[in-house]
Amino acid sequence: MLEIGTNSVRLKFPKNSRAHPWVNISRVQLYFGPRPEIFTEPPKDDIDHDYPVDRIMGHKVMNGVDHYYIHWKGYPAEDDSWEPVTNLTPESLKLWEDSVKTRQITRNSQQ
């Protein structure tokens, strides 16, 4: 930063830059370096492990098979995935059916 005005700052750019050096102060943020990447490793005994479903957020049919978009309990959104119906428990599917019914009732009551 070279200069601070009332609502703007003048930034130092390389001489061959075509960017305008004056920027509104609302666009300036502190920089703390790159964000750390968060990776969630599956358990070592993945064969027998059940991943608990937090919620089902979507449904689509791919190649004639029902798939559901799953948010896994205790995992970040980056780990959400489309899963075939064969990977889900009846309890998980009931969560989806209940949420669909609730949305239909809400939609009908608003009309």
PDB file of N, CA and C in Angstrom:
ATOM      1  N   MET A   1       0.842  -1.160   0.000  1.00  0.00           N
ATOM      2  CA  MET A   1       0.000   0.000   0.000  1.00  0.00           C
ATOM      3  C   MET A   1       0.894   1.232   0.000  1.00  0.00           C
ATOM      4  N   LEU A   2       0.605   2.148  -0.882  1.00  0.00           N
ATOM      5  CA  LEU A   2       1.406   3.356  -0.968  1.00  0.00           C
ATOM      6  C   LEU A   2       0.732   4.557  -0.305  1.00  0.00           C
ATOM      7  N   GLU A   3      -0.585   4.620  -0.421  1.00  0.00           N
ATOM      8  CA  GLU A   3      -1.297   5.804   0.038  1.00  0.00           C
ATOM      9  C   GLU A   3      -2.713   5.415   0.455  1.00  0.00           C
ATOM     10  N   ILE A   4      -3.227   6.075   1.479  1.00  0.00           N
ATOM     11  CA  ILE A   4      -4.583   5.798   1.945  1.00  0.00           C
ATOM     12  C   ILE A   4      -5.403   7.075   1.817  1.00  0.00           C
ATOM     13  N   GLY A   5      -6.541   6.963   1.112  1.00  0.00           N
ATOM     14  CA  GLY A   5      -7.457   8.081   0.983  1.00  0.00           C
ATOM     15  C   GLY A   5      -8.628   7.898   1.933  1.00  0.00           C
ATOM     16  N   THR A   6      -9.682   8.687   1.773  1.00  0.00           N
ATOM     17  CA  THR A   6     -10.852   8.589   2.642  1.00  0.00           C
ATOM     18  C   THR A   6     -11.536   7.242   2.493  1.00  0.00           C
ATOM     19  N   ASN A   7     -11.812   6.812   1.259  1.00  0.00           N
ATOM     20  CA  ASN A   7     -12.491   5.543   0.994  1.00  0.00           C
ATOM     21  C   ASN A   7     -11.706   4.641   0.070  1.00  0.00           C
ATOM     22  N   SER A   8     -10.440   4.940  -0.143  1.00  0.00           N
ATOM     23  CA  SER A   8      -9.680   4.155  -1.100  1.00  0.00           C
ATOM     24  C   SER A   8      -8.213   4.067  -0.678  1.00  0.00           C
ATOM     25  N   VAL A   9      -7.521   3.123  -1.314  1.00  0.00           N
ATOM     26  CA  VAL A   9      -6.087   2.957  -1.101  1.00  0.00           C
ATOM     27  C   VAL A   9      -5.408   2.856  -2.457  1.00  0.00           C
ATOM     28  N   ARG A  10      -4.178   3.312  -2.503  1.00  0.00           N
ATOM     29  CA  ARG A  10      -3.403   3.174  -3.734  1.00  0.00           C
ATOM     30  C   ARG A  10      -2.418   2.037  -3.516  1.00  0.00           C
ATOM     31  N   LEU A  11      -2.496   1.043  -4.396  1.00  0.00           N
ATOM     32  CA  LEU A  11      -1.659  -0.139  -4.296  1.00  0.00           C
ATOM     33  C   LEU A  11      -0.471  -0.046  -5.231  1.00  0.00           C
ATOM     34  N   LYS A  12       0.583  -0.734  -4.878  1.00  0.00           N
ATOM     35  CA  LYS A  12       1.773  -0.755  -5.724  1.00  0.00           C
ATOM     36  C   LYS A  12       1.704  -1.995  -6.606  1.00  0.00           C
ATOM     37  N   PHE A  13       1.725  -1.774  -7.909  1.00  0.00           N
ATOM     38  CA  PHE A  13       1.707  -2.854  -8.892  1.00  0.00           C
ATOM     39  C   PHE A  13       2.984  -2.810  -9.711  1.00  0.00           C
ATOM     40  N   PRO A  14       3.318  -3.886 -10.399  1.00  0.00           N
ATOM     41  CA  PRO A  14       4.467  -3.843 -11.319  1.00  0.00           C
ATOM     42  C   PRO A  14       4.221  -2.801 -12.420  1.00  0.00           C
ATOM     43  N   LYS A  15       5.287  -2.272 -12.993  1.00  0.00           N
ATOM     44  CA  LYS A  15       5.165  -1.203 -13.991  1.00  0.00           C
ATOM     45  C   LYS A  15       4.392  -1.639 -15.227  1.00  0.00           C
ATOM     46  N   ASN A  16       4.422  -2.917 -15.585  1.00  0.00           N
ATOM     47  CA  ASN A  16       3.717  -3.370 -16.787  1.00  0.00           C
ATOM     48  C   ASN A  16       2.261  -3.747 -16.496  1.00  0.00           C
ATOM     49  N   SER A  17       1.778  -3.554 -15.264  1.00  0.00           N
ATOM     50  CA  SER A  17       0.402  -3.882 -14.913  1.00  0.00           C
ATOM     51  C   SER A  17      -0.557  -2.855 -15.500  1.00  0.00           C
ATOM     52  N   ARG A  18      -1.721  -3.328 -15.934  1.00  0.00           N
ATOM     53  CA  ARG A  18      -2.737  -2.429 -16.476  1.00  0.00           C
ATOM     54  C   ARG A  18      -3.846  -2.182 -15.465  1.00  0.00           C
ATOM     55  N   ALA A  19      -3.722  -2.743 -14.251  1.00  0.00           N
ATOM     56  CA  ALA A  19      -4.731  -2.568 -13.211  1.00  0.00           C
ATOM     57  C   ALA A  19      -4.672  -1.138 -12.670  1.00  0.00           C
ATOM     58  N   HIS A  20      -5.819  -0.615 -12.332  1.00  0.00           N
ATOM     59  CA  HIS A  20      -5.878   0.724 -11.765  1.00  0.00           C
ATOM     60  C   HIS A  20      -5.358   0.659 -10.335  1.00  0.00           C
ATOM     61  N   PRO A  21      -4.449   1.561  -9.966  1.00  0.00           N
ATOM     62  CA  PRO A  21      -3.828   1.466  -8.644  1.00  0.00           C
ATOM     63  C   PRO A  21      -4.740   1.851  -7.478  1.00  0.00           C
ATOM     64  N   TRP A  22      -5.801   2.637  -7.726  1.00  0.00           N
ATOM     65  CA  TRP A  22      -6.702   3.033  -6.644  1.00  0.00           C
ATOM     66  C   TRP A  22      -7.840   2.032  -6.506  1.00  0.00           C
ATOM     67  N   VAL A  23      -8.046   1.538  -5.274  1.00  0.00           N
ATOM     68  CA  VAL A  23      -9.040   0.508  -4.993  1.00  0.00           C
ATOM     69  C   VAL A  23      -9.890   0.958  -3.814  1.00  0.00           C
ATOM     70  N   ASN A  24     -11.199   0.693  -3.885  1.00  0.00           N
ATOM     71  CA  ASN A  24     -12.075   1.007  -2.763  1.00  0.00           C
ATOM     72  C   ASN A  24     -11.629   0.225  -1.541  1.00  0.00           C
ATOM     73  N   ILE A  25     -11.634   0.869  -0.388  1.00  0.00           N
ATOM     74  CA  ILE A  25     -11.144   0.271   0.850  1.00  0.00           C
ATOM     75  C   ILE A  25     -11.910  -0.999   1.231  1.00  0.00           C
ATOM     76  N   SER A  26     -13.183  -1.113   0.796  1.00  0.00           N
ATOM     77  CA  SER A  26     -13.977  -2.301   1.127  1.00  0.00           C
ATOM     78  C   SER A  26     -13.434  -3.559   0.445  1.00  0.00           C
ATOM     79  N   ARG A  27     -12.603  -3.395  -0.588  1.00  0.00           N
ATOM     80  CA  ARG A  27     -12.053  -4.531  -1.327  1.00  0.00           C
ATOM     81  C   ARG A  27     -10.716  -5.016  -0.766  1.00  0.00           C
ATOM     82  N   VAL A  28     -10.180  -4.326   0.226  1.00  0.00           N
ATOM     83  CA  VAL A  28      -8.873  -4.666   0.776  1.00  0.00           C
ATOM     84  C   VAL A  28      -9.065  -5.553   1.999  1.00  0.00           C
ATOM     85  N   GLN A  29      -8.320  -6.654   2.045  1.00  0.00           N
ATOM     86  CA  GLN A  29      -8.382  -7.583   3.177  1.00  0.00           C
ATOM     87  C   GLN A  29      -6.973  -7.921   3.621  1.00  0.00           C
ATOM     88  N   LEU A  30      -6.839  -8.301   4.875  1.00  0.00           N
ATOM     89  CA  LEU A  30      -5.561  -8.788   5.363  1.00  0.00           C
ATOM     90  C   LEU A  30      -5.272 -10.137   4.727  1.00  0.00           C
ATOM     91  N   TYR A  31      -4.024 -10.404   4.437  1.00  0.00           N
ATOM     92  CA  TYR A  31      -3.645 -11.669   3.828  1.00  0.00           C
ATOM     93  C   TYR A  31      -2.843 -12.470   4.839  1.00  0.00           C
ATOM     94  N   PHE A  32      -3.307 -13.686   5.112  1.00  0.00           N
ATOM     95  CA  PHE A  32      -2.644 -14.548   6.074  1.00  0.00           C
ATOM     96  C   PHE A  32      -2.007 -15.757   5.402  1.00  0.00           C
ATOM     97  N   GLY A  33      -1.838 -15.713   4.104  1.00  0.00           N
ATOM     98  CA  GLY A  33      -1.263 -16.836   3.379  1.00  0.00           C
ATOM     99  C   GLY A  33      -2.358 -17.727   2.831  1.00  0.00           C
ATOM    100  N   PRO A  34      -1.974 -18.794   2.112  1.00  0.00           N
ATOM    101  CA  PRO A  34      -2.979 -19.681   1.529  1.00  0.00           C
ATOM    102  C   PRO A  34      -3.752 -20.424   2.619  1.00  0.00           C
ATOM    103  N   ARG A  35      -5.010 -20.735   2.313  1.00  0.00           N
ATOM    104  CA  ARG A  35      -5.836 -21.488   3.257  1.00  0.00           C
ATOM    105  C   ARG A  35      -5.322 -22.914   3.354  1.00  0.00           C
ATOM    106  N   PRO A  36      -5.304 -23.473   4.554  1.00  0.00           N
ATOM    107  CA  PRO A  36      -4.888 -24.874   4.663  1.00  0.00           C
ATOM    108  C   PRO A  36      -5.946 -25.786   4.058  1.00  0.00           C
ATOM    109  N   GLU A  37      -5.495 -26.863   3.439  1.00  0.00           N
ATOM    110  CA  GLU A  37      -6.437 -27.820   2.855  1.00  0.00           C
ATOM    111  C   GLU A  37      -6.874 -28.803   3.936  1.00  0.00           C
ATOM    112  N   ILE A  38      -8.177 -29.101   3.957  1.00  0.00           N
ATOM    113  CA  ILE A  38      -8.717 -30.022   4.938  1.00  0.00           C
ATOM    114  C   ILE A  38      -9.058 -31.327   4.230  1.00  0.00           C
ATOM    115  N   PHE A  39      -8.425 -32.371   4.667  1.00  0.00           N
ATOM    116  CA  PHE A  39      -8.696 -33.687   4.099  1.00  0.00           C
ATOM    117  C   PHE A  39      -9.231 -34.587   5.206  1.00  0.00           C
ATOM    118  N   THR A  40     -10.232 -35.345   4.885  1.00  0.00           N
ATOM    119  CA  THR A  40     -10.791 -36.298   5.837  1.00  0.00           C
ATOM    120  C   THR A  40     -10.460 -37.692   5.327  1.00  0.00           C
ATOM    121  N   GLU A  41      -9.655 -38.399   6.090  1.00  0.00           N
ATOM    122  CA  GLU A  41      -9.274 -39.744   5.674  1.00  0.00           C
ATOM    123  C   GLU A  41     -10.329 -40.750   6.109  1.00  0.00           C
ATOM    124  N   PRO A  42     -10.634 -41.719   5.250  1.00  0.00           N
ATOM    125  CA  PRO A  42     -11.557 -42.776   5.677  1.00  0.00           C
ATOM    126  C   PRO A  42     -10.866 -43.658   6.711  1.00  0.00           C
ATOM    127  N   PRO A  43     -11.640 -44.315   7.540  1.00  0.00           N
ATOM    128  CA  PRO A  43     -11.040 -45.220   8.522  1.00  0.00           C
ATOM    129  C   PRO A  43     -10.278 -46.351   7.840  1.00  0.00           C
ATOM    130  N   LYS A  44      -9.320 -46.910   8.549  1.00  0.00           N
ATOM    131  CA  LYS A  44      -8.494 -47.989   7.983  1.00  0.00           C
ATOM    132  C   LYS A  44      -9.327 -49.246   7.698  1.00  0.00           C
ATOM    133  N   ASP A  45     -10.345 -49.510   8.533  1.00  0.00           N
ATOM    134  CA  ASP A  45     -11.201 -50.688   8.336  1.00  0.00           C
ATOM    135  C   ASP A  45     -12.442 -50.317   7.537  1.00  0.00           C
ATOM    136  N   ASP A  46     -12.219 -49.718   6.381  1.00  0.00           N
ATOM    137  CA  ASP A  46     -13.312 -49.167   5.571  1.00  0.00           C
ATOM    138  C   ASP A  46     -14.299 -50.225   5.090  1.00  0.00           C
ATOM    139  N   ILE A  47     -13.919 -51.483   5.078  1.00  0.00           N
ATOM    140  CA  ILE A  47     -14.788 -52.541   4.564  1.00  0.00           C
ATOM    141  C   ILE A  47     -16.048 -52.681   5.413  1.00  0.00           C
ATOM    142  N   ASP A  48     -15.882 -52.651   6.727  1.00  0.00           N
ATOM    143  CA  ASP A  48     -17.018 -52.864   7.618  1.00  0.00           C
ATOM    144  C   ASP A  48     -17.554 -51.578   8.237  1.00  0.00           C
ATOM    145  N   HIS A  49     -17.079 -50.450   7.798  1.00  0.00           N
ATOM    146  CA  HIS A  49     -17.453 -49.185   8.430  1.00  0.00           C
ATOM    147  C   HIS A  49     -18.759 -48.640   7.856  1.00  0.00           C
ATOM    148  N   ASP A  50     -19.659 -48.204   8.733  1.00  0.00           N
ATOM    149  CA  ASP A  50     -20.883 -47.515   8.305  1.00  0.00           C
ATOM    150  C   ASP A  50     -20.687 -46.019   8.493  1.00  0.00           C
ATOM    151  N   TYR A  51     -20.914 -45.270   7.431  1.00  0.00           N
ATOM    152  CA  TYR A  51     -20.845 -43.828   7.526  1.00  0.00           C
ATOM    153  C   TYR A  51     -22.238 -43.318   7.862  1.00  0.00           C
ATOM    154  N   PRO A  52     -22.406 -42.606   8.982  1.00  0.00           N
ATOM    155  CA  PRO A  52     -23.745 -42.112   9.321  1.00  0.00           C
ATOM    156  C   PRO A  52     -24.162 -40.967   8.400  1.00  0.00           C
ATOM    157  N   VAL A  53     -25.390 -41.031   7.937  1.00  0.00           N
ATOM    158  CA  VAL A  53     -25.944 -40.005   7.053  1.00  0.00           C
ATOM    159  C   VAL A  53     -26.513 -38.877   7.908  1.00  0.00           C
ATOM    160  N   ASP A  54     -26.066 -37.649   7.656  1.00  0.00           N
ATOM    161  CA  ASP A  54     -26.619 -36.493   8.364  1.00  0.00           C
ATOM    162  C   ASP A  54     -27.930 -36.079   7.707  1.00  0.00           C
ATOM    163  N   ARG A  55     -27.884 -35.936   6.357  1.00  0.00           N
ATOM    164  CA  ARG A  55     -29.100 -35.597   5.617  1.00  0.00           C
ATOM    165  C   ARG A  55     -28.914 -35.948   4.147  1.00  0.00           C
ATOM    166  N   ILE A  56     -30.039 -36.157   3.486  1.00  0.00           N
ATOM    167  CA  ILE A  56     -30.039 -36.393   2.040  1.00  0.00           C
ATOM    168  C   ILE A  56     -30.519 -35.106   1.393  1.00  0.00           C
ATOM    169  N   MET A  57     -29.721 -34.584   0.466  1.00  0.00           N
ATOM    170  CA  MET A  57     -29.996 -33.258  -0.091  1.00  0.00           C
ATOM    171  C   MET A  57     -30.502 -33.276  -1.524  1.00  0.00           C
ATOM    172  N   GLY A  58     -30.505 -34.438  -2.166  1.00  0.00           N
ATOM    173  CA  GLY A  58     -30.974 -34.466  -3.543  1.00  0.00           C
ATOM    174  C   GLY A  58     -31.169 -35.884  -4.047  1.00  0.00           C
ATOM    175  N   HIS A  59     -31.838 -35.969  -5.190  1.00  0.00           N
ATOM    176  CA  HIS A  59     -32.126 -37.266  -5.804  1.00  0.00           C
ATOM    177  C   HIS A  59     -32.043 -37.117  -7.317  1.00  0.00           C
ATOM    178  N   LYS A  60     -31.475 -38.130  -7.974  1.00  0.00           N
ATOM    179  CA  LYS A  60     -31.498 -38.181  -9.439  1.00  0.00           C
ATOM    180  C   LYS A  60     -31.334 -39.631  -9.867  1.00  0.00           C
ATOM    181  N   VAL A  61     -31.707 -39.898 -11.106  1.00  0.00           N
ATOM    182  CA  VAL A  61     -31.589 -41.239 -11.661  1.00  0.00           C
ATOM    183  C   VAL A  61     -30.442 -41.219 -12.665  1.00  0.00           C
ATOM    184  N   MET A  62     -29.469 -42.100 -12.446  1.00  0.00           N
ATOM    185  CA  MET A  62     -28.331 -42.220 -13.362  1.00  0.00           C
ATOM    186  C   MET A  62     -28.286 -43.655 -13.878  1.00  0.00           C
ATOM    187  N   ASN A  63     -28.344 -43.810 -15.182  1.00  0.00           N
ATOM    188  CA  ASN A  63     -28.320 -45.135 -15.820  1.00  0.00           C
ATOM    189  C   ASN A  63     -29.386 -46.060 -15.238  1.00  0.00           C
ATOM    190  N   GLY A  64     -30.561 -45.493 -14.967  1.00  0.00           N
ATOM    191  CA  GLY A  64     -31.678 -46.286 -14.462  1.00  0.00           C
ATOM    192  C   GLY A  64     -31.620 -46.629 -12.986  1.00  0.00           C
ATOM    193  N   VAL A  65     -30.638 -46.085 -12.260  1.00  0.00           N
ATOM    194  CA  VAL A  65     -30.487 -46.381 -10.829  1.00  0.00           C
ATOM    195  C   VAL A  65     -30.685 -45.093 -10.031  1.00  0.00           C
ATOM    196  N   ASP A  66     -31.502 -45.168  -8.974  1.00  0.00           N
ATOM    197  CA  ASP A  66     -31.701 -44.016  -8.098  1.00  0.00           C
ATOM    198  C   ASP A  66     -30.403 -43.716  -7.348  1.00  0.00           C
ATOM    199  N   HIS A  67     -30.001 -42.431  -7.362  1.00  0.00           N
ATOM    200  CA  HIS A  67     -28.851 -41.962  -6.599  1.00  0.00           C
ATOM    201  C   HIS A  67     -29.313 -40.818  -5.699  1.00  0.00           C
ATOM    202  N   TYR A  68     -28.712 -40.717  -4.517  1.00  0.00           N
ATOM    203  CA  TYR A  68     -29.058 -39.680  -3.555  1.00  0.00           C
ATOM    204  C   TYR A  68     -27.798 -38.906  -3.173  1.00  0.00           C
ATOM    205  N   TYR A  69     -27.961 -37.580  -3.045  1.00  0.00           N
ATOM    206  CA  TYR A  69     -26.837 -36.720  -2.678  1.00  0.00           C
ATOM    207  C   TYR A  69     -26.777 -36.640  -1.161  1.00  0.00           C
ATOM    208  N   ILE A  70     -25.691 -37.158  -0.580  1.00  0.00           N
ATOM    209  CA  ILE A  70     -25.581 -37.375   0.855  1.00  0.00           C
ATOM    210  C   ILE A  70     -24.608 -36.393   1.490  1.00  0.00           C
ATOM    211  N   HIS A  71     -25.040 -35.815   2.641  1.00  0.00           N
ATOM    212  CA  HIS A  71     -24.112 -35.100   3.517  1.00  0.00           C
ATOM    213  C   HIS A  71     -23.854 -36.023   4.695  1.00  0.00           C
ATOM    214  N   TRP A  72     -22.591 -36.404   4.874  1.00  0.00           N
ATOM    215  CA  TRP A  72     -22.210 -37.372   5.899  1.00  0.00           C
ATOM    216  C   TRP A  72     -22.008 -36.687   7.236  1.00  0.00           C
ATOM    217  N   LYS A  73     -22.522 -37.291   8.295  1.00  0.00           N
ATOM    218  CA  LYS A  73     -22.419 -36.735   9.647  1.00  0.00           C
ATOM    219  C   LYS A  73     -20.947 -36.697  10.071  1.00  0.00           C
ATOM    220  N   GLY A  74     -20.520 -35.518  10.520  1.00  0.00           N
ATOM    221  CA  GLY A  74     -19.149 -35.358  11.003  1.00  0.00           C
ATOM    222  C   GLY A  74     -18.125 -35.094   9.920  1.00  0.00           C
ATOM    223  N   TYR A  75     -18.560 -34.921   8.678  1.00  0.00           N
ATOM    224  CA  TYR A  75     -17.642 -34.666   7.572  1.00  0.00           C
ATOM    225  C   TYR A  75     -17.967 -33.320   6.933  1.00  0.00           C
ATOM    226  N   PRO A  76     -16.961 -32.649   6.339  1.00  0.00           N
ATOM    227  CA  PRO A  76     -17.222 -31.366   5.685  1.00  0.00           C
ATOM    228  C   PRO A  76     -17.987 -31.541   4.380  1.00  0.00           C
ATOM    229  N   ALA A  77     -18.524 -30.432   3.870  1.00  0.00           N
ATOM    230  CA  ALA A  77     -19.323 -30.465   2.640  1.00  0.00           C
ATOM    231  C   ALA A  77     -18.527 -30.990   1.446  1.00  0.00           C
ATOM    232  N   GLU A  78     -17.204 -30.859   1.480  1.00  0.00           N
ATOM    233  CA  GLU A  78     -16.383 -31.358   0.372  1.00  0.00           C
ATOM    234  C   GLU A  78     -16.512 -32.869   0.207  1.00  0.00           C
ATOM    235  N   ASP A  79     -16.919 -33.562   1.278  1.00  0.00           N
ATOM    236  CA  ASP A  79     -17.057 -35.016   1.218  1.00  0.00           C
ATOM    237  C   ASP A  79     -18.460 -35.477   0.838  1.00  0.00           C
ATOM    238  N   ASP A  80     -19.390 -34.550   0.586  1.00  0.00           N
ATOM    239  CA  ASP A  80     -20.736 -34.930   0.138  1.00  0.00           C
ATOM    240  C   ASP A  80     -20.603 -35.715  -1.165  1.00  0.00           C
ATOM    241  N   SER A  81     -21.499 -36.694  -1.367  1.00  0.00           N
ATOM    242  CA  SER A  81     -21.365 -37.519  -2.572  1.00  0.00           C
ATOM    243  C   SER A  81     -22.707 -38.075  -3.019  1.00  0.00           C
ATOM    244  N   TRP A  82     -22.764 -38.405  -4.323  1.00  0.00           N
ATOM    245  CA  TRP A  82     -23.919 -39.108  -4.882  1.00  0.00           C
ATOM    246  C   TRP A  82     -23.711 -40.589  -4.617  1.00  0.00           C
ATOM    247  N   GLU A  83     -24.692 -41.224  -4.003  1.00  0.00           N
ATOM    248  CA  GLU A  83     -24.598 -42.639  -3.674  1.00  0.00           C
ATOM    249  C   GLU A  83     -25.788 -43.387  -4.269  1.00  0.00           C
ATOM    250  N   PRO A  84     -25.544 -44.604  -4.799  1.00  0.00           N
ATOM    251  CA  PRO A  84     -26.665 -45.397  -5.310  1.00  0.00           C
ATOM    252  C   PRO A  84     -27.544 -45.859  -4.152  1.00  0.00           C
ATOM    253  N   VAL A  85     -28.785 -46.126  -4.457  1.00  0.00           N
ATOM    254  CA  VAL A  85     -29.763 -46.518  -3.437  1.00  0.00           C
ATOM    255  C   VAL A  85     -29.298 -47.761  -2.681  1.00  0.00           C
ATOM    256  N   THR A  86     -28.518 -48.619  -3.312  1.00  0.00           N
ATOM    257  CA  THR A  86     -28.050 -49.842  -2.655  1.00  0.00           C
ATOM    258  C   THR A  86     -27.084 -49.561  -1.512  1.00  0.00           C
ATOM    259  N   ASN A  87     -26.476 -48.367  -1.475  1.00  0.00           N
ATOM    260  CA  ASN A  87     -25.546 -48.012  -0.402  1.00  0.00           C
ATOM    261  C   ASN A  87     -26.250 -47.394   0.806  1.00  0.00           C
ATOM    262  N   LEU A  88     -27.559 -47.200   0.724  1.00  0.00           N
ATOM    263  CA  LEU A  88     -28.270 -46.513   1.803  1.00  0.00           C
ATOM    264  C   LEU A  88     -29.118 -47.472   2.617  1.00  0.00           C
ATOM    265  N   THR A  89     -29.283 -47.125   3.880  1.00  0.00           N
ATOM    266  CA  THR A  89     -30.123 -47.934   4.770  1.00  0.00           C
ATOM    267  C   THR A  89     -31.572 -47.495   4.617  1.00  0.00           C
ATOM    268  N   PRO A  90     -32.516 -48.336   4.997  1.00  0.00           N
ATOM    269  CA  PRO A  90     -33.925 -47.937   4.957  1.00  0.00           C
ATOM    270  C   PRO A  90     -34.204 -46.691   5.810  1.00  0.00           C
ATOM    271  N   GLU A  91     -33.477 -46.535   6.926  1.00  0.00           N
ATOM    272  CA  GLU A  91     -33.659 -45.360   7.781  1.00  0.00           C
ATOM    273  C   GLU A  91     -33.267 -44.077   7.044  1.00  0.00           C
ATOM    274  N   SER A  92     -32.161 -44.144   6.290  1.00  0.00           N
ATOM    275  CA  SER A  92     -31.714 -42.976   5.521  1.00  0.00           C
ATOM    276  C   SER A  92     -32.736 -42.608   4.451  1.00  0.00           C
ATOM    277  N   LEU A  93     -33.268 -43.604   3.768  1.00  0.00           N
ATOM    278  CA  LEU A  93     -34.273 -43.347   2.732  1.00  0.00           C
ATOM    279  C   LEU A  93     -35.544 -42.765   3.337  1.00  0.00           C
ATOM    280  N   LYS A  94     -35.885 -43.172   4.555  1.00  0.00           N
ATOM    281  CA  LYS A  94     -37.057 -42.625   5.230  1.00  0.00           C
ATOM    282  C   LYS A  94     -36.848 -41.134   5.509  1.00  0.00           C
ATOM    283  N   LEU A  95     -35.619 -40.734   5.861  1.00  0.00           N
ATOM    284  CA  LEU A  95     -35.316 -39.301   6.066  1.00  0.00           C
ATOM    285  C   LEU A  95     -35.644 -38.508   4.800  1.00  0.00           C
ATOM    286  N   TRP A  96     -35.249 -39.049   3.649  1.00  0.00           N
ATOM    287  CA  TRP A  96     -35.497 -38.372   2.376  1.00  0.00           C
ATOM    288  C   TRP A  96     -36.994 -38.287   2.093  1.00  0.00           C
ATOM    289  N   GLU A  97     -37.702 -39.405   2.262  1.00  0.00           N
ATOM    290  CA  GLU A  97     -39.150 -39.421   2.000  1.00  0.00           C
ATOM    291  C   GLU A  97     -39.875 -38.435   2.912  1.00  0.00           C
ATOM    292  N   ASP A  98     -39.486 -38.369   4.180  1.00  0.00           N
ATOM    293  CA  ASP A  98     -40.112 -37.421   5.113  1.00  0.00           C
ATOM    294  C   ASP A  98     -39.851 -35.977   4.703  1.00  0.00           C
ATOM    295  N   SER A  99     -38.623 -35.687   4.243  1.00  0.00           N
ATOM    296  CA  SER A  99     -38.316 -34.308   3.837  1.00  0.00           C
ATOM    297  C   SER A  99     -39.089 -33.921   2.579  1.00  0.00           C
ATOM    298  N   VAL A 100     -39.284 -34.879   1.655  1.00  0.00           N
ATOM    299  CA  VAL A 100     -40.057 -34.606   0.442  1.00  0.00           C
ATOM    300  C   VAL A 100     -41.513 -34.321   0.813  1.00  0.00           C
ATOM    301  N   LYS A 101     -42.082 -35.125   1.717  1.00  0.00           N
ATOM    302  CA  LYS A 101     -43.463 -34.904   2.147  1.00  0.00           C
ATOM    303  C   LYS A 101     -43.618 -33.547   2.812  1.00  0.00           C
ATOM    304  N   THR A 102     -42.669 -33.168   3.661  1.00  0.00           N
ATOM    305  CA  THR A 102     -42.716 -31.872   4.343  1.00  0.00           C
ATOM    306  C   THR A 102     -42.691 -30.728   3.342  1.00  0.00           C
ATOM    307  N   ARG A 103     -41.824 -30.838   2.317  1.00  0.00           N
ATOM    308  CA  ARG A 103     -41.758 -29.790   1.296  1.00  0.00           C
ATOM    309  C   ARG A 103     -43.056 -29.705   0.503  1.00  0.00           C
ATOM    310  N   GLN A 104     -43.681 -30.846   0.213  1.00  0.00           N
ATOM    311  CA  GLN A 104     -44.945 -30.837  -0.535  1.00  0.00           C
ATOM    312  C   GLN A 104     -46.049 -30.199   0.293  1.00  0.00           C
ATOM    313  N   ILE A 105     -46.103 -30.508   1.581  1.00  0.00           N
ATOM    314  CA  ILE A 105     -47.126 -29.914   2.455  1.00  0.00           C
ATOM    315  C   ILE A 105     -46.919 -28.415   2.544  1.00  0.00           C
ATOM    316  N   THR A 106     -45.667 -27.975   2.702  1.00  0.00           N
ATOM    317  CA  THR A 106     -45.364 -26.552   2.789  1.00  0.00           C
ATOM    318  C   THR A 106     -45.749 -25.842   1.494  1.00  0.00           C
ATOM    319  N   ARG A 107     -45.412 -26.462   0.366  1.00  0.00           N
ATOM    320  CA  ARG A 107     -45.721 -25.867  -0.941  1.00  0.00           C
ATOM    321  C   ARG A 107     -47.224 -25.746  -1.130  1.00  0.00           C
ATOM    322  N   ASN A 108     -47.976 -26.799  -0.756  1.00  0.00           N
ATOM    323  CA  ASN A 108     -49.429 -26.780  -0.915  1.00  0.00           C
ATOM    324  C   ASN A 108     -50.088 -25.759   0.004  1.00  0.00           C
ATOM    325  N   SER A 109     -49.547 -25.564   1.202  1.00  0.00           N
ATOM    326  CA  SER A 109     -50.151 -24.605   2.128  1.00  0.00           C
ATOM    327  C   SER A 109     -49.879 -23.163   1.704  1.00  0.00           C
ATOM    328  N   GLN A 110     -48.829 -22.939   0.904  1.00  0.00           N
ATOM    329  CA  GLN A 110     -48.526 -21.585   0.427  1.00  0.00           C
ATOM    330  C   GLN A 110     -49.359 -21.186  -0.769  1.00  0.00           C
ATOM    331  N   GLN A 111     -50.006 -22.142  -1.413  1.00  0.00           N
ATOM    332  CA  GLN A 111     -50.783 -21.843  -2.620  1.00  0.00           C
ATOM    333  C   GLN A 111     -52.155 -21.378  -2.310  1.00  0.00           C
TER     334      GLN A 111
END
